[in-house]
Protein backbone atom coordinates (compact mmCIF):
# COMPACT_ATOMS: atom_id res chain seq x y z
CA MET A 1 0.00 0.00 0.00
CA TYR A 2 1.19 3.43 -0.92
CA ARG A 3 1.46 5.81 1.98
CA PHE A 4 1.78 9.57 1.91
CA ASN A 5 4.56 10.97 3.84
CA SER A 6 4.17 14.16 5.75
CA MET A 7 5.64 16.33 3.05
CA GLN A 8 3.29 15.00 0.45
CA TRP A 9 0.38 15.41 2.77
CA ARG A 10 1.16 19.04 3.45
CA GLY A 11 1.67 19.69 -0.25
CA GLY A 12 -1.67 18.21 -1.07
CA LEU A 13 -3.36 20.35 1.52
CA ALA A 14 -1.69 23.39 0.08
CA VAL A 15 -2.95 22.53 -3.43
CA LEU A 16 -6.41 21.91 -2.08
CA ALA A 17 -6.33 25.22 -0.20
CA SER A 18 -5.20 27.03 -3.34
CA LEU A 19 -7.93 25.44 -5.41
CA PHE A 20 -10.56 26.27 -2.77
CA ALA A 21 -9.35 29.88 -2.51
CA ALA A 22 -9.44 30.29 -6.29
CA GLY A 23 -13.00 28.97 -6.36
CA VAL A 24 -14.12 31.25 -3.57
CA TYR A 25 -12.45 34.25 -5.23
CA ALA A 26 -14.11 33.51 -8.55
CA ALA A 27 -17.48 33.23 -6.87
CA THR A 28 -16.97 36.46 -4.93
CA VAL A 29 -15.99 38.54 -8.03
CA SER A 30 -19.01 37.25 -9.91
CA ASP A 31 -21.36 38.15 -7.06
CA VAL A 32 -19.79 41.59 -6.64
CA SER A 33 -20.04 42.29 -10.38
CA LYS A 34 -23.64 41.18 -10.43
CA THR A 35 -24.47 43.30 -7.36
CA GLY A 36 -22.72 46.31 -8.92
CA ASP A 37 -24.82 46.01 -12.05
CA GLN A 38 -27.98 45.84 -10.00
CA TRP A 39 -26.91 48.93 -8.05
CA LEU A 40 -26.22 50.88 -11.22
CA VAL A 41 -29.63 49.93 -12.60
CA ALA A 42 -31.20 50.96 -9.32
CA GLN A 43 -29.34 54.28 -9.44
CA VAL A 44 -30.51 54.95 -13.01
CA ASP A 45 -34.11 54.16 -12.04
CA ALA A 46 -33.82 56.35 -8.99
CA GLN A 47 -32.42 59.23 -11.08
CA LYS A 48 -35.25 58.84 -13.54
CA ARG A 49 -37.75 59.06 -10.71
CA VAL A 50 -35.95 62.10 -9.31
CA ASP A 51 -35.99 63.77 -12.74
CA ALA A 52 -39.67 62.94 -13.17
CA LEU A 53 -40.45 64.38 -9.75
CA ALA A 54 -38.40 67.50 -10.53
CA GLU A 55 -40.27 67.95 -13.84
CA GLN A 56 -43.57 67.45 -12.06
CA GLY A 57 -42.48 69.99 -9.46
CA ARG A 58 -41.65 72.54 -12.16
CA ASP A 59 -45.02 71.93 -13.82
CA LEU A 60 -46.79 72.42 -10.51
CA ALA A 61 -44.80 75.59 -9.85
CA ASN A 62 -45.75 76.95 -13.30
CA ASP A 63 -49.38 76.01 -12.71
CA TYR A 64 -49.25 77.76 -9.35
CA ARG A 65 -47.81 80.95 -10.83
CA THR A 66 -50.39 80.85 -13.64
CA THR A 67 -53.17 80.36 -11.08
CA LEU A 68 -51.87 83.32 -9.09
CA ARG A 69 -51.90 85.54 -12.17
CA GLU A 70 -55.41 84.39 -13.08
CA THR A 71 -56.53 85.00 -9.50
CA GLU A 72 -55.17 88.56 -9.60
CA GLY A 73 -56.88 89.10 -12.94
CA LEU A 74 -60.15 87.79 -11.55
CA LYS A 75 -59.84 90.09 -8.53
CA LEU A 76 -59.40 93.11 -10.83
CA TYR A 77 -62.30 91.94 -13.01
CA LEU A 78 -64.54 91.53 -9.96
CA GLN A 79 -63.58 95.01 -8.79
CA GLN A 80 -64.56 96.41 -12.17
CA LEU A 81 -67.84 94.50 -12.11
CA ARG A 82 -68.61 95.85 -8.64
CA ALA A 83 -67.85 99.39 -9.84
CA GLN A 84 -70.06 98.91 -12.91
CA LEU A 85 -72.83 97.42 -10.80
CA LYS A 86 -72.65 100.38 -8.42
CA SER A 87 -72.76 102.79 -11.36
CA GLN A 88 -75.76 100.99 -12.85
CA GLN A 89 -77.56 101.00 -9.52
CA ASP A 90 -76.95 104.74 -9.18
CA GLU A 91 -78.16 105.26 -12.75
CA MET A 92 -81.30 103.25 -12.02
CA VAL A 93 -82.04 105.50 -9.08
CA VAL A 94 -81.63 108.57 -11.30
CA ILE A 95 -83.83 107.01 -14.01
CA ARG A 96 -86.55 106.25 -11.47
CA GLN A 97 -86.43 109.85 -10.27
CA GLU A 98 -86.51 111.19 -13.83
CA SER A 99 -89.38 108.84 -14.73
CA SER A 100 -91.34 110.09 -11.75
CA GLU A 101 -90.65 113.69 -12.72
CA LEU A 102 -91.54 112.92 -16.34
CA GLU A 103 -94.87 111.46 -15.32
CA ARG A 104 -95.64 114.63 -13.38
CA THR A 105 -94.49 116.72 -16.36
CA ASN A 106 -96.69 114.72 -18.73
CA ILE A 107 -99.68 115.28 -16.48
CA GLU A 108 -99.03 119.02 -16.70
CA ILE A 109 -97.96 119.32 -20.35
CA LEU A 110 -100.73 117.29 -21.97
CA PRO A 111 -103.47 119.79 -21.05
CA LEU A 112 -101.14 122.60 -22.12
CA MET A 113 -100.64 121.02 -25.55
CA GLN A 114 -104.38 120.52 -25.89
CA ARG A 115 -104.96 124.23 -25.17
CA MET A 116 -102.21 125.17 -27.65
CA LEU A 117 -103.83 123.05 -30.32
CA GLY A 118 -107.26 124.52 -29.60
CA SER A 119 -105.88 128.04 -29.91
CA LEU A 120 -104.15 127.17 -33.17
CA GLU A 121 -107.34 125.69 -34.60
CA GLN A 122 -109.34 128.79 -33.66
CA PHE A 123 -106.65 131.07 -35.08
CA VAL A 124 -106.68 129.30 -38.45
CA GLN A 125 -110.48 129.51 -38.64
CA LEU A 126 -110.49 133.27 -37.91
CA ASP A 127 -107.40 134.20 -39.92
CA VAL A 128 -107.18 135.40 -43.50
CA PRO A 129 -108.28 132.37 -45.58
CA PHE A 130 -105.07 131.64 -47.48
CA LEU A 131 -104.09 128.00 -48.04
CA LYS A 132 -107.16 127.17 -46.01
CA GLU A 133 -107.37 123.46 -46.84
CA GLU A 134 -103.66 122.90 -46.12
CA ARG A 135 -103.76 124.71 -42.78
CA VAL A 136 -107.03 123.13 -41.62
CA GLY A 137 -105.71 119.71 -42.61
CA ARG A 138 -102.53 120.25 -40.58
CA VAL A 139 -104.56 121.06 -37.47
CA ALA A 140 -106.84 118.07 -38.07
CA ARG A 141 -103.84 115.72 -38.25
CA LEU A 142 -102.53 117.12 -34.97
CA ASN A 143 -105.91 116.50 -33.32
CA GLU A 144 -105.86 112.90 -34.58
CA MET A 145 -102.35 112.45 -33.20
CA MET A 146 -103.06 113.60 -29.65
CA PRO A 147 -104.79 110.43 -28.31
CA ARG A 148 -102.31 108.05 -29.99
CA ALA A 149 -100.20 106.01 -27.56
CA ASP A 150 -97.54 105.18 -30.16
CA VAL A 151 -96.49 108.85 -30.39
CA THR A 152 -94.40 110.15 -27.51
CA VAL A 153 -95.33 113.28 -25.62
CA SER A 154 -92.16 114.98 -26.80
CA GLU A 155 -93.01 114.21 -30.44
CA LYS A 156 -96.53 115.57 -30.00
CA TYR A 157 -95.16 118.76 -28.50
CA ARG A 158 -92.57 119.08 -31.30
CA ARG A 159 -95.22 118.82 -34.01
CA ILE A 160 -97.49 121.39 -32.37
CA VAL A 161 -94.60 123.84 -32.00
CA GLU A 162 -93.65 123.18 -35.63
CA ALA A 163 -97.20 124.07 -36.71
CA TYR A 164 -96.95 127.33 -34.72
CA GLN A 165 -93.64 128.12 -36.42
CA ILE A 166 -95.16 127.55 -39.87
CA GLU A 167 -97.99 129.95 -39.03
CA MET A 168 -95.50 132.53 -37.78
CA GLU A 169 -93.47 132.20 -40.98
CA TYR A 170 -96.51 133.11 -43.07
CA GLY A 171 -96.43 136.59 -41.56
CA ARG A 172 -92.90 137.26 -42.86
CA THR A 173 -93.19 135.99 -46.45
CA ILE A 174 -94.87 136.78 -49.75
CA GLU A 175 -96.38 133.90 -51.71
CA ALA A 176 -98.24 133.21 -54.94
CA TYR A 177 -100.26 130.07 -55.61
CA ARG A 178 -103.10 128.97 -57.83
CA GLY A 179 -106.45 127.80 -56.48
CA LYS A 180 -110.22 127.89 -56.76
CA LEU A 181 -112.40 130.84 -55.85
CA GLY A 182 -115.95 129.62 -56.25
CA ASP A 183 -116.05 128.12 -59.72
CA LYS A 184 -113.14 130.22 -61.01
CA GLU A 185 -109.47 129.34 -61.10
CA VAL A 186 -107.40 132.29 -59.93
CA ASP A 187 -103.90 133.23 -58.83
CA PHE A 188 -103.72 134.17 -55.16
CA LEU A 189 -101.18 136.64 -53.79
CA ARG A 190 -100.46 136.62 -50.06
CA VAL A 191 -98.45 139.50 -48.65
CA GLY A 192 -97.55 138.37 -45.15
CA ARG A 193 -100.79 138.40 -43.21
CA VAL A 194 -101.71 141.96 -44.09
CA GLY A 195 -103.16 141.26 -47.51
CA LEU A 196 -104.63 138.44 -49.56
CA PHE A 197 -105.44 139.13 -53.21
CA TYR A 198 -106.55 137.24 -56.28
CA GLN A 199 -106.44 137.77 -60.00
CA THR A 200 -107.74 135.69 -62.87
CA PRO A 201 -105.03 134.33 -65.21
CA ASP A 202 -106.12 136.72 -67.95
CA GLY A 203 -105.93 139.70 -65.56
CA ALA A 204 -109.55 140.62 -66.24
CA GLU A 205 -110.65 140.38 -62.62
CA THR A 206 -108.81 141.40 -59.44
CA GLY A 207 -109.97 141.40 -55.84
CA TYR A 208 -108.92 141.14 -52.20
CA TRP A 209 -110.09 139.70 -48.89
CA ASP A 210 -111.99 142.28 -46.85
CA ARG A 211 -111.37 141.69 -43.13
CA GLU A 212 -114.37 143.71 -42.03
CA LYS A 213 -116.81 142.07 -44.39
CA LYS A 214 -115.06 138.70 -44.07
CA ASP A 215 -115.62 138.27 -47.77
CA TRP A 216 -113.99 138.95 -51.11
CA SER A 217 -114.24 142.41 -52.64
CA ALA A 218 -113.49 143.61 -56.15
CA GLY A 219 -110.40 145.76 -56.53
CA GLY A 220 -109.84 146.41 -60.19
CA GLU A 221 -107.95 149.62 -59.47
CA TYR A 222 -105.18 147.50 -57.91
CA SER A 223 -104.83 145.08 -60.80
CA GLU A 224 -101.39 146.33 -61.81
CA GLY A 225 -100.11 146.17 -58.22
CA VAL A 226 -101.41 142.63 -57.76
CA LYS A 227 -99.99 141.60 -61.14
CA GLU A 228 -96.58 142.95 -60.16
CA GLY A 229 -96.84 141.31 -56.74
CA LEU A 230 -97.52 137.93 -58.35
CA LYS A 231 -94.37 138.29 -60.45
CA VAL A 232 -92.31 139.16 -57.36
CA ALA A 233 -93.73 136.19 -55.41
CA LYS A 234 -92.99 133.86 -58.32
CA LYS A 235 -89.46 135.34 -58.52
CA GLN A 236 -90.10 136.48 -62.08
CA THR A 237 -88.94 139.99 -61.24
CA SER A 238 -86.99 141.76 -58.49
CA PRO A 239 -88.86 143.06 -55.42
CA ASN A 240 -90.44 146.46 -55.98
CA LEU A 241 -92.94 148.82 -54.37
CA LEU A 242 -96.45 147.35 -54.52
CA ILE A 243 -99.57 149.49 -54.46
CA VAL A 244 -102.28 147.29 -52.95
CA PRO A 245 -104.96 147.83 -50.28
CA VAL A 246 -103.86 146.97 -46.74
CA GLN A 247 -106.41 146.84 -43.94
CA ALA A 248 -105.60 147.42 -40.31
CA ALA A 249 -106.03 144.51 -37.92
CA ALA A 250 -109.52 144.23 -36.56
CA SER A 251 -109.91 145.59 -33.02
CA LYS A 252 -111.69 143.63 -30.31
């Protein structure tokens, strides 16, 4: 039988120890390498999470700043709305006061306008009868307008005053127009309100309105004056001295 001596035995142990150490070392390096890789992966994942959280934080910060700006804008807008609302409320108070005053004014002005219209109607009936149909028709339309609800009080008043102004204008103008006198067609000459004359187109007949008689009177002696007056009124000749009868206003 082969026996190991002590030297061989120790050498074998040394070889075995070396082999064992080499195996352990190889195993340890492999584990360390594997652990290192896992750590690096974990670090990368962690960094990604940190970056994601940082990005989320920046987004939240931007949203917060945007919200703050919008909140400030809303505060200013609400302040403006409150100011507008206060102004509208004040204006409503003024409108209510004006409406109340207007109602009182309407109560007072409507009878006044009715009296004005009555006076105008009476004046036209008693005045020199020039453009009689036109003037009577104007007053009739005003009377028809007065009870209408679709015409404002201010518009009614404006039209009545306008009619007064037209009547006043007649007293400052000279006018010629053609119309009927009975069954005859004649040319009328109005000289303000002081004289109203007529003449047939052939000049054969001339007359004037007699205030005292309240009727037409013949006035052949004034035919040339009336003829010249008609030319002036029609702007066929320049204004000149007219010789026509003028009656004083009737006394009461």
